[in-house]
Amino acid sequence: MELVRFNNNLLLDLSMTIMKYEGSSIDLDIQYLFKHFDKRICIGTDHPEYSPKELEKRFIYFSKDISDEKKRNIAFLNISKFLGITLN
């Protein structure tokens, strides 16, 4: 995150990390990122390694104590803006 936080040309993709290290101390780091860096991170399924349902479960776990705005940022707004995709 330290590398990404001051570079607008970077976005931290937690897709593999959020799934691979479930139950480890990295979960605490991810919780911190969800609460404090919602505009600098994104997630995805990393399909076929993980299913959308598995990602949804983890996303719900990490986003239970954050605002809807932060949830939207992490779930789809950040990556959409980063890739220049307009959402209607």
PDB file of N, CA and C in Angstrom:
ATOM      1  N   MET A   1       0.825  -1.191   0.000  1.00  0.00           N
ATOM      2  CA  MET A   1       0.000   0.000   0.000  1.00  0.00           C
ATOM      3  C   MET A   1       0.866   1.250   0.000  1.00  0.00           C
ATOM      4  N   GLU A   2       1.996   1.185   0.656  1.00  0.00           N
ATOM      5  CA  GLU A   2       2.867   2.368   0.713  1.00  0.00           C
ATOM      6  C   GLU A   2       3.331   2.798  -0.674  1.00  0.00           C
ATOM      7  N   LEU A   3       3.529   1.865  -1.554  1.00  0.00           N
ATOM      8  CA  LEU A   3       3.927   2.192  -2.917  1.00  0.00           C
ATOM      9  C   LEU A   3       2.765   2.817  -3.688  1.00  0.00           C
ATOM     10  N   VAL A   4       1.576   2.322  -3.483  1.00  0.00           N
ATOM     11  CA  VAL A   4       0.396   2.739  -4.229  1.00  0.00           C
ATOM     12  C   VAL A   4      -0.184   4.058  -3.729  1.00  0.00           C
ATOM     13  N   ARG A   5      -0.134   4.282  -2.457  1.00  0.00           N
ATOM     14  CA  ARG A   5      -0.878   5.404  -1.879  1.00  0.00           C
ATOM     15  C   ARG A   5      -0.513   6.773  -2.422  1.00  0.00           C
ATOM     16  N   PHE A   6       0.712   6.973  -2.882  1.00  0.00           N
ATOM     17  CA  PHE A   6       1.122   8.290  -3.376  1.00  0.00           C
ATOM     18  C   PHE A   6       1.310   8.319  -4.896  1.00  0.00           C
ATOM     19  N   ASN A   7       0.843   7.289  -5.593  1.00  0.00           N
ATOM     20  CA  ASN A   7       0.991   7.244  -7.038  1.00  0.00           C
ATOM     21  C   ASN A   7      -0.385   7.034  -7.670  1.00  0.00           C
ATOM     22  N   ASN A   8      -0.902   8.072  -8.284  1.00  0.00           N
ATOM     23  CA  ASN A   8      -2.237   8.002  -8.885  1.00  0.00           C
ATOM     24  C   ASN A   8      -2.318   7.054 -10.071  1.00  0.00           C
ATOM     25  N   ASN A   9      -1.178   6.614 -10.567  1.00  0.00           N
ATOM     26  CA  ASN A   9      -1.160   5.684 -11.695  1.00  0.00           C
ATOM     27  C   ASN A   9      -1.199   4.233 -11.243  1.00  0.00           C
ATOM     28  N   LEU A  10      -1.328   3.990  -9.943  1.00  0.00           N
ATOM     29  CA  LEU A  10      -1.362   2.635  -9.408  1.00  0.00           C
ATOM     30  C   LEU A  10      -2.628   2.405  -8.591  1.00  0.00           C
ATOM     31  N   LEU A  11      -3.093   1.164  -8.616  1.00  0.00           N
ATOM     32  CA  LEU A  11      -4.243   0.718  -7.836  1.00  0.00           C
ATOM     33  C   LEU A  11      -3.876  -0.652  -7.290  1.00  0.00           C
ATOM     34  N   LEU A  12      -4.063  -0.867  -6.017  1.00  0.00           N
ATOM     35  CA  LEU A  12      -3.706  -2.143  -5.395  1.00  0.00           C
ATOM     36  C   LEU A  12      -4.851  -3.133  -5.567  1.00  0.00           C
ATOM     37  N   ASP A  13      -4.593  -4.201  -6.313  1.00  0.00           N
ATOM     38  CA  ASP A  13      -5.579  -5.246  -6.562  1.00  0.00           C
ATOM     39  C   ASP A  13      -5.398  -6.341  -5.518  1.00  0.00           C
ATOM     40  N   LEU A  14      -6.401  -6.510  -4.679  1.00  0.00           N
ATOM     41  CA  LEU A  14      -6.345  -7.496  -3.593  1.00  0.00           C
ATOM     42  C   LEU A  14      -7.002  -8.825  -3.958  1.00  0.00           C
ATOM     43  N   SER A  15      -7.292  -9.043  -5.231  1.00  0.00           N
ATOM     44  CA  SER A  15      -8.067 -10.209  -5.664  1.00  0.00           C
ATOM     45  C   SER A  15      -7.523 -11.534  -5.143  1.00  0.00           C
ATOM     46  N   MET A  16      -6.269 -11.806  -5.335  1.00  0.00           N
ATOM     47  CA  MET A  16      -5.695 -13.072  -4.885  1.00  0.00           C
ATOM     48  C   MET A  16      -5.458 -13.050  -3.373  1.00  0.00           C
ATOM     49  N   THR A  17      -4.952 -11.969  -2.873  1.00  0.00           N
ATOM     50  CA  THR A  17      -4.612 -11.865  -1.451  1.00  0.00           C
ATOM     51  C   THR A  17      -5.827 -12.047  -0.557  1.00  0.00           C
ATOM     52  N   ILE A  18      -6.949 -11.432  -0.938  1.00  0.00           N
ATOM     53  CA  ILE A  18      -8.150 -11.492  -0.110  1.00  0.00           C
ATOM     54  C   ILE A  18      -8.652 -12.927   0.040  1.00  0.00           C
ATOM     55  N   MET A  19      -8.364 -13.766  -0.971  1.00  0.00           N
ATOM     56  CA  MET A  19      -8.834 -15.151  -0.954  1.00  0.00           C
ATOM     57  C   MET A  19      -7.788 -16.123  -0.395  1.00  0.00           C
ATOM     58  N   LYS A  20      -6.571 -15.952  -0.778  1.00  0.00           N
ATOM     59  CA  LYS A  20      -5.521 -16.935  -0.489  1.00  0.00           C
ATOM     60  C   LYS A  20      -5.150 -17.022   0.987  1.00  0.00           C
ATOM     61  N   TYR A  21      -5.194 -15.919   1.690  1.00  0.00           N
ATOM     62  CA  TYR A  21      -4.676 -15.885   3.063  1.00  0.00           C
ATOM     63  C   TYR A  21      -5.769 -15.807   4.123  1.00  0.00           C
ATOM     64  N   GLU A  22      -6.935 -16.351   3.808  1.00  0.00           N
ATOM     65  CA  GLU A  22      -8.050 -16.332   4.757  1.00  0.00           C
ATOM     66  C   GLU A  22      -7.638 -16.968   6.088  1.00  0.00           C
ATOM     67  N   GLY A  23      -7.938 -16.265   7.172  1.00  0.00           N
ATOM     68  CA  GLY A  23      -7.634 -16.772   8.509  1.00  0.00           C
ATOM     69  C   GLY A  23      -6.243 -16.442   8.996  1.00  0.00           C
ATOM     70  N   SER A  24      -5.443 -15.787   8.172  1.00  0.00           N
ATOM     71  CA  SER A  24      -4.085 -15.424   8.582  1.00  0.00           C
ATOM     72  C   SER A  24      -4.069 -13.994   9.131  1.00  0.00           C
ATOM     73  N   SER A  25      -2.917 -13.568   9.591  1.00  0.00           N
ATOM     74  CA  SER A  25      -2.770 -12.202  10.103  1.00  0.00           C
ATOM     75  C   SER A  25      -2.945 -11.166   8.997  1.00  0.00           C
ATOM     76  N   ILE A  26      -2.866 -11.590   7.761  1.00  0.00           N
ATOM     77  CA  ILE A  26      -3.062 -10.666   6.636  1.00  0.00           C
ATOM     78  C   ILE A  26      -4.501 -10.154   6.615  1.00  0.00           C
ATOM     79  N   ASP A  27      -5.430 -10.919   7.163  1.00  0.00           N
ATOM     80  CA  ASP A  27      -6.820 -10.447   7.266  1.00  0.00           C
ATOM     81  C   ASP A  27      -6.892  -9.106   7.996  1.00  0.00           C
ATOM     82  N   LEU A  28      -6.088  -8.928   9.016  1.00  0.00           N
ATOM     83  CA  LEU A  28      -6.082  -7.658   9.754  1.00  0.00           C
ATOM     84  C   LEU A  28      -5.601  -6.515   8.863  1.00  0.00           C
ATOM     85  N   ASP A  29      -4.597  -6.792   8.049  1.00  0.00           N
ATOM     86  CA  ASP A  29      -4.099  -5.780   7.116  1.00  0.00           C
ATOM     87  C   ASP A  29      -5.170  -5.407   6.097  1.00  0.00           C
ATOM     88  N   ILE A  30      -5.881  -6.397   5.588  1.00  0.00           N
ATOM     89  CA  ILE A  30      -6.929  -6.146   4.609  1.00  0.00           C
ATOM     90  C   ILE A  30      -8.065  -5.342   5.242  1.00  0.00           C
ATOM     91  N   GLN A  31      -8.429  -5.654   6.472  1.00  0.00           N
ATOM     92  CA  GLN A  31      -9.457  -4.874   7.174  1.00  0.00           C
ATOM     93  C   GLN A  31      -9.034  -3.414   7.275  1.00  0.00           C
ATOM     94  N   TYR A  32      -7.781  -3.188   7.584  1.00  0.00           N
ATOM     95  CA  TYR A  32      -7.254  -1.827   7.689  1.00  0.00           C
ATOM     96  C   TYR A  32      -7.346  -1.121   6.328  1.00  0.00           C
ATOM     97  N   LEU A  33      -6.964  -1.821   5.273  1.00  0.00           N
ATOM     98  CA  LEU A  33      -7.027  -1.226   3.939  1.00  0.00           C
ATOM     99  C   LEU A  33      -8.458  -0.874   3.552  1.00  0.00           C
ATOM    100  N   PHE A  34      -9.400  -1.737   3.850  1.00  0.00           N
ATOM    101  CA  PHE A  34     -10.809  -1.459   3.541  1.00  0.00           C
ATOM    102  C   PHE A  34     -11.276  -0.209   4.276  1.00  0.00           C
ATOM    103  N   LYS A  35     -10.851  -0.018   5.494  1.00  0.00           N
ATOM    104  CA  LYS A  35     -11.307   1.128   6.293  1.00  0.00           C
ATOM    105  C   LYS A  35     -10.616   2.435   5.924  1.00  0.00           C
ATOM    106  N   HIS A  36      -9.342   2.370   5.516  1.00  0.00           N
ATOM    107  CA  HIS A  36      -8.551   3.593   5.364  1.00  0.00           C
ATOM    108  C   HIS A  36      -8.073   3.894   3.952  1.00  0.00           C
ATOM    109  N   PHE A  37      -8.125   2.946   3.050  1.00  0.00           N
ATOM    110  CA  PHE A  37      -7.615   3.172   1.698  1.00  0.00           C
ATOM    111  C   PHE A  37      -8.615   2.724   0.637  1.00  0.00           C
ATOM    112  N   ASP A  38      -9.872   2.948   0.876  1.00  0.00           N
ATOM    113  CA  ASP A  38     -10.930   2.479  -0.029  1.00  0.00           C
ATOM    114  C   ASP A  38     -10.833   3.075  -1.430  1.00  0.00           C
ATOM    115  N   LYS A  39     -10.134   4.185  -1.600  1.00  0.00           N
ATOM    116  CA  LYS A  39     -10.011   4.795  -2.925  1.00  0.00           C
ATOM    117  C   LYS A  39      -8.765   4.332  -3.665  1.00  0.00           C
ATOM    118  N   ARG A  40      -7.993   3.454  -3.044  1.00  0.00           N
ATOM    119  CA  ARG A  40      -6.737   3.020  -3.660  1.00  0.00           C
ATOM    120  C   ARG A  40      -6.654   1.514  -3.861  1.00  0.00           C
ATOM    121  N   ILE A  41      -7.755   0.783  -3.566  1.00  0.00           N
ATOM    122  CA  ILE A  41      -7.734  -0.677  -3.699  1.00  0.00           C
ATOM    123  C   ILE A  41      -8.917  -1.156  -4.543  1.00  0.00           C
ATOM    124  N   CYS A  42      -8.792  -2.372  -5.066  1.00  0.00           N
ATOM    125  CA  CYS A  42      -9.889  -3.001  -5.802  1.00  0.00           C
ATOM    126  C   CYS A  42      -9.819  -4.509  -5.577  1.00  0.00           C
ATOM    127  N   ILE A  43     -10.897  -5.181  -5.940  1.00  0.00           N
ATOM    128  CA  ILE A  43     -10.954  -6.641  -5.821  1.00  0.00           C
ATOM    129  C   ILE A  43     -11.614  -7.238  -7.051  1.00  0.00           C
ATOM    130  N   GLY A  44     -11.384  -8.519  -7.250  1.00  0.00           N
ATOM    131  CA  GLY A  44     -12.020  -9.283  -8.316  1.00  0.00           C
ATOM    132  C   GLY A  44     -11.979 -10.754  -7.922  1.00  0.00           C
ATOM    133  N   THR A  45     -12.537 -11.610  -8.746  1.00  0.00           N
ATOM    134  CA  THR A  45     -12.656 -13.014  -8.364  1.00  0.00           C
ATOM    135  C   THR A  45     -11.385 -13.819  -8.565  1.00  0.00           C
ATOM    136  N   ASP A  46     -10.518 -13.415  -9.483  1.00  0.00           N
ATOM    137  CA  ASP A  46      -9.385 -14.237  -9.901  1.00  0.00           C
ATOM    138  C   ASP A  46      -9.876 -15.583 -10.412  1.00  0.00           C
ATOM    139  N   HIS A  47     -11.018 -15.550 -11.083  1.00  0.00           N
ATOM    140  CA  HIS A  47     -11.615 -16.743 -11.686  1.00  0.00           C
ATOM    141  C   HIS A  47     -10.637 -17.349 -12.689  1.00  0.00           C
ATOM    142  N   PRO A  48     -10.417 -18.617 -12.741  1.00  0.00           N
ATOM    143  CA  PRO A  48     -11.225 -19.692 -12.177  1.00  0.00           C
ATOM    144  C   PRO A  48     -10.749 -20.185 -10.816  1.00  0.00           C
ATOM    145  N   GLU A  49      -9.695 -19.582 -10.262  1.00  0.00           N
ATOM    146  CA  GLU A  49      -9.215 -20.029  -8.955  1.00  0.00           C
ATOM    147  C   GLU A  49     -10.270 -19.890  -7.873  1.00  0.00           C
ATOM    148  N   TYR A  50     -11.027 -18.804  -7.939  1.00  0.00           N
ATOM    149  CA  TYR A  50     -12.060 -18.542  -6.943  1.00  0.00           C
ATOM    150  C   TYR A  50     -13.337 -18.113  -7.641  1.00  0.00           C
ATOM    151  N   SER A  51     -14.461 -18.488  -7.077  1.00  0.00           N
ATOM    152  CA  SER A  51     -15.755 -18.158  -7.678  1.00  0.00           C
ATOM    153  C   SER A  51     -16.242 -16.792  -7.189  1.00  0.00           C
ATOM    154  N   PRO A  52     -17.168 -16.184  -7.932  1.00  0.00           N
ATOM    155  CA  PRO A  52     -17.775 -14.940  -7.464  1.00  0.00           C
ATOM    156  C   PRO A  52     -18.426 -15.100  -6.088  1.00  0.00           C
ATOM    157  N   LYS A  53     -19.023 -16.240  -5.818  1.00  0.00           N
ATOM    158  CA  LYS A  53     -19.671 -16.482  -4.519  1.00  0.00           C
ATOM    159  C   LYS A  53     -18.637 -16.471  -3.387  1.00  0.00           C
ATOM    160  N   GLU A  54     -17.479 -17.079  -3.634  1.00  0.00           N
ATOM    161  CA  GLU A  54     -16.417 -17.089  -2.624  1.00  0.00           C
ATOM    162  C   GLU A  54     -15.920 -15.666  -2.356  1.00  0.00           C
ATOM    163  N   LEU A  55     -15.750 -14.895  -3.415  1.00  0.00           N
ATOM    164  CA  LEU A  55     -15.312 -13.504  -3.254  1.00  0.00           C
ATOM    165  C   LEU A  55     -16.362 -12.699  -2.504  1.00  0.00           C
ATOM    166  N   GLU A  56     -17.624 -12.910  -2.841  1.00  0.00           N
ATOM    167  CA  GLU A  56     -18.704 -12.186  -2.162  1.00  0.00           C
ATOM    168  C   GLU A  56     -18.654 -12.430  -0.657  1.00  0.00           C
ATOM    169  N   LYS A  57     -18.429 -13.660  -0.254  1.00  0.00           N
ATOM    170  CA  LYS A  57     -18.343 -14.003   1.169  1.00  0.00           C
ATOM    171  C   LYS A  57     -17.213 -13.223   1.853  1.00  0.00           C
ATOM    172  N   ARG A  58     -16.063 -13.188   1.210  1.00  0.00           N
ATOM    173  CA  ARG A  58     -14.925 -12.468   1.787  1.00  0.00           C
ATOM    174  C   ARG A  58     -15.176 -10.959   1.792  1.00  0.00           C
ATOM    175  N   PHE A  59     -15.771 -10.435   0.716  1.00  0.00           N
ATOM    176  CA  PHE A  59     -16.059  -9.009   0.640  1.00  0.00           C
ATOM    177  C   PHE A  59     -17.025  -8.596   1.742  1.00  0.00           C
ATOM    178  N   ILE A  60     -18.053  -9.375   1.974  1.00  0.00           N
ATOM    179  CA  ILE A  60     -19.011  -9.085   3.049  1.00  0.00           C
ATOM    180  C   ILE A  60     -18.299  -9.073   4.395  1.00  0.00           C
ATOM    181  N   TYR A  61     -17.408 -10.020   4.599  1.00  0.00           N
ATOM    182  CA  TYR A  61     -16.657 -10.096   5.853  1.00  0.00           C
ATOM    183  C   TYR A  61     -15.842  -8.821   6.087  1.00  0.00           C
ATOM    184  N   PHE A  62     -15.112  -8.383   5.080  1.00  0.00           N
ATOM    185  CA  PHE A  62     -14.245  -7.216   5.249  1.00  0.00           C
ATOM    186  C   PHE A  62     -14.993  -5.891   5.222  1.00  0.00           C
ATOM    187  N   SER A  63     -16.161  -5.852   4.626  1.00  0.00           N
ATOM    188  CA  SER A  63     -16.864  -4.582   4.478  1.00  0.00           C
ATOM    189  C   SER A  63     -17.988  -4.374   5.483  1.00  0.00           C
ATOM    190  N   LYS A  64     -18.095  -5.250   6.475  1.00  0.00           N
ATOM    191  CA  LYS A  64     -19.234  -5.153   7.395  1.00  0.00           C
ATOM    192  C   LYS A  64     -19.268  -3.862   8.214  1.00  0.00           C
ATOM    193  N   ASP A  65     -18.138  -3.239   8.461  1.00  0.00           N
ATOM    194  CA  ASP A  65     -18.114  -2.028   9.292  1.00  0.00           C
ATOM    195  C   ASP A  65     -17.694  -0.780   8.518  1.00  0.00           C
ATOM    196  N   ILE A  66     -17.885  -0.783   7.196  1.00  0.00           N
ATOM    197  CA  ILE A  66     -17.526   0.402   6.419  1.00  0.00           C
ATOM    198  C   ILE A  66     -18.767   0.940   5.699  1.00  0.00           C
ATOM    199  N   SER A  67     -18.680   2.175   5.257  1.00  0.00           N
ATOM    200  CA  SER A  67     -19.819   2.839   4.608  1.00  0.00           C
ATOM    201  C   SER A  67     -20.106   2.228   3.234  1.00  0.00           C
ATOM    202  N   ASP A  68     -21.308   2.458   2.757  1.00  0.00           N
ATOM    203  CA  ASP A  68     -21.690   1.992   1.424  1.00  0.00           C
ATOM    204  C   ASP A  68     -20.798   2.628   0.351  1.00  0.00           C
ATOM    205  N   GLU A  69     -20.418   3.881   0.551  1.00  0.00           N
ATOM    206  CA  GLU A  69     -19.539   4.552  -0.403  1.00  0.00           C
ATOM    207  C   GLU A  69     -18.209   3.817  -0.518  1.00  0.00           C
ATOM    208  N   LYS A  70     -17.620   3.442   0.606  1.00  0.00           N
ATOM    209  CA  LYS A  70     -16.350   2.713   0.588  1.00  0.00           C
ATOM    210  C   LYS A  70     -16.520   1.338  -0.058  1.00  0.00           C
ATOM    211  N   LYS A  71     -17.633   0.695   0.196  1.00  0.00           N
ATOM    212  CA  LYS A  71     -17.908  -0.604  -0.432  1.00  0.00           C
ATOM    213  C   LYS A  71     -17.953  -0.471  -1.947  1.00  0.00           C
ATOM    214  N   ARG A  72     -18.647   0.539  -2.436  1.00  0.00           N
ATOM    215  CA  ARG A  72     -18.746   0.754  -3.882  1.00  0.00           C
ATOM    216  C   ARG A  72     -17.379   1.055  -4.492  1.00  0.00           C
ATOM    217  N   ASN A  73     -16.593   1.865  -3.788  1.00  0.00           N
ATOM    218  CA  ASN A  73     -15.242   2.177  -4.283  1.00  0.00           C
ATOM    219  C   ASN A  73     -14.438   0.902  -4.503  1.00  0.00           C
ATOM    220  N   ILE A  74     -14.401   0.073  -3.492  1.00  0.00           N
ATOM    221  CA  ILE A  74     -13.586  -1.143  -3.531  1.00  0.00           C
ATOM    222  C   ILE A  74     -14.147  -2.154  -4.529  1.00  0.00           C
ATOM    223  N   ALA A  75     -15.454  -2.320  -4.542  1.00  0.00           N
ATOM    224  CA  ALA A  75     -16.088  -3.353  -5.362  1.00  0.00           C
ATOM    225  C   ALA A  75     -16.024  -3.062  -6.862  1.00  0.00           C
ATOM    226  N   PHE A  76     -16.213  -1.780  -7.262  1.00  0.00           N
ATOM    227  CA  PHE A  76     -16.250  -1.529  -8.701  1.00  0.00           C
ATOM    228  C   PHE A  76     -15.865  -0.120  -9.143  1.00  0.00           C
ATOM    229  N   LEU A  77     -16.065   0.896  -8.323  1.00  0.00           N
ATOM    230  CA  LEU A  77     -15.797   2.259  -8.789  1.00  0.00           C
ATOM    231  C   LEU A  77     -14.319   2.511  -9.054  1.00  0.00           C
ATOM    232  N   ASN A  78     -13.456   2.057  -8.171  1.00  0.00           N
ATOM    233  CA  ASN A  78     -12.023   2.314  -8.356  1.00  0.00           C
ATOM    234  C   ASN A  78     -11.500   1.716  -9.652  1.00  0.00           C
ATOM    235  N   ILE A  79     -11.824   0.455  -9.903  1.00  0.00           N
ATOM    236  CA  ILE A  79     -11.318  -0.183 -11.121  1.00  0.00           C
ATOM    237  C   ILE A  79     -11.956   0.431 -12.359  1.00  0.00           C
ATOM    238  N   SER A  80     -13.217   0.834 -12.265  1.00  0.00           N
ATOM    239  CA  SER A  80     -13.879   1.481 -13.400  1.00  0.00           C
ATOM    240  C   SER A  80     -13.197   2.794 -13.754  1.00  0.00           C
ATOM    241  N   LYS A  81     -12.931   3.612 -12.746  1.00  0.00           N
ATOM    242  CA  LYS A  81     -12.246   4.883 -12.971  1.00  0.00           C
ATOM    243  C   LYS A  81     -10.834   4.648 -13.502  1.00  0.00           C
ATOM    244  N   PHE A  82     -10.125   3.702 -12.928  1.00  0.00           N
ATOM    245  CA  PHE A  82      -8.755   3.407 -13.310  1.00  0.00           C
ATOM    246  C   PHE A  82      -8.680   2.990 -14.782  1.00  0.00           C
ATOM    247  N   LEU A  83      -9.655   2.225 -15.243  1.00  0.00           N
ATOM    248  CA  LEU A  83      -9.678   1.743 -16.628  1.00  0.00           C
ATOM    249  C   LEU A  83     -10.413   2.688 -17.581  1.00  0.00           C
ATOM    250  N   GLY A  84     -10.982   3.776 -17.023  1.00  0.00           N
ATOM    251  CA  GLY A  84     -11.690   4.741 -17.851  1.00  0.00           C
ATOM    252  C   GLY A  84     -13.025   4.245 -18.359  1.00  0.00           C
ATOM    253  N   ILE A  85     -13.665   3.382 -17.568  1.00  0.00           N
ATOM    254  CA  ILE A  85     -14.974   2.833 -17.929  1.00  0.00           C
ATOM    255  C   ILE A  85     -16.064   3.703 -17.315  1.00  0.00           C
ATOM    256  N   THR A  86     -16.966   4.205 -18.133  1.00  0.00           N
ATOM    257  CA  THR A  86     -18.069   5.019 -17.645  1.00  0.00           C
ATOM    258  C   THR A  86     -19.231   4.114 -17.263  1.00  0.00           C
ATOM    259  N   LEU A  87     -19.724   4.290 -16.060  1.00  0.00           N
ATOM    260  CA  LEU A  87     -20.865   3.501 -15.578  1.00  0.00           C
ATOM    261  C   LEU A  87     -22.125   4.335 -15.673  1.00  0.00           C
ATOM    262  N   ASN A  88     -23.174   3.751 -16.186  1.00  0.00           N
ATOM    263  CA  ASN A  88     -24.454   4.464 -16.306  1.00  0.00           C
ATOM    264  C   ASN A  88     -25.447   3.909 -15.331  1.00  0.00           C
TER     265      ASN A  88
END
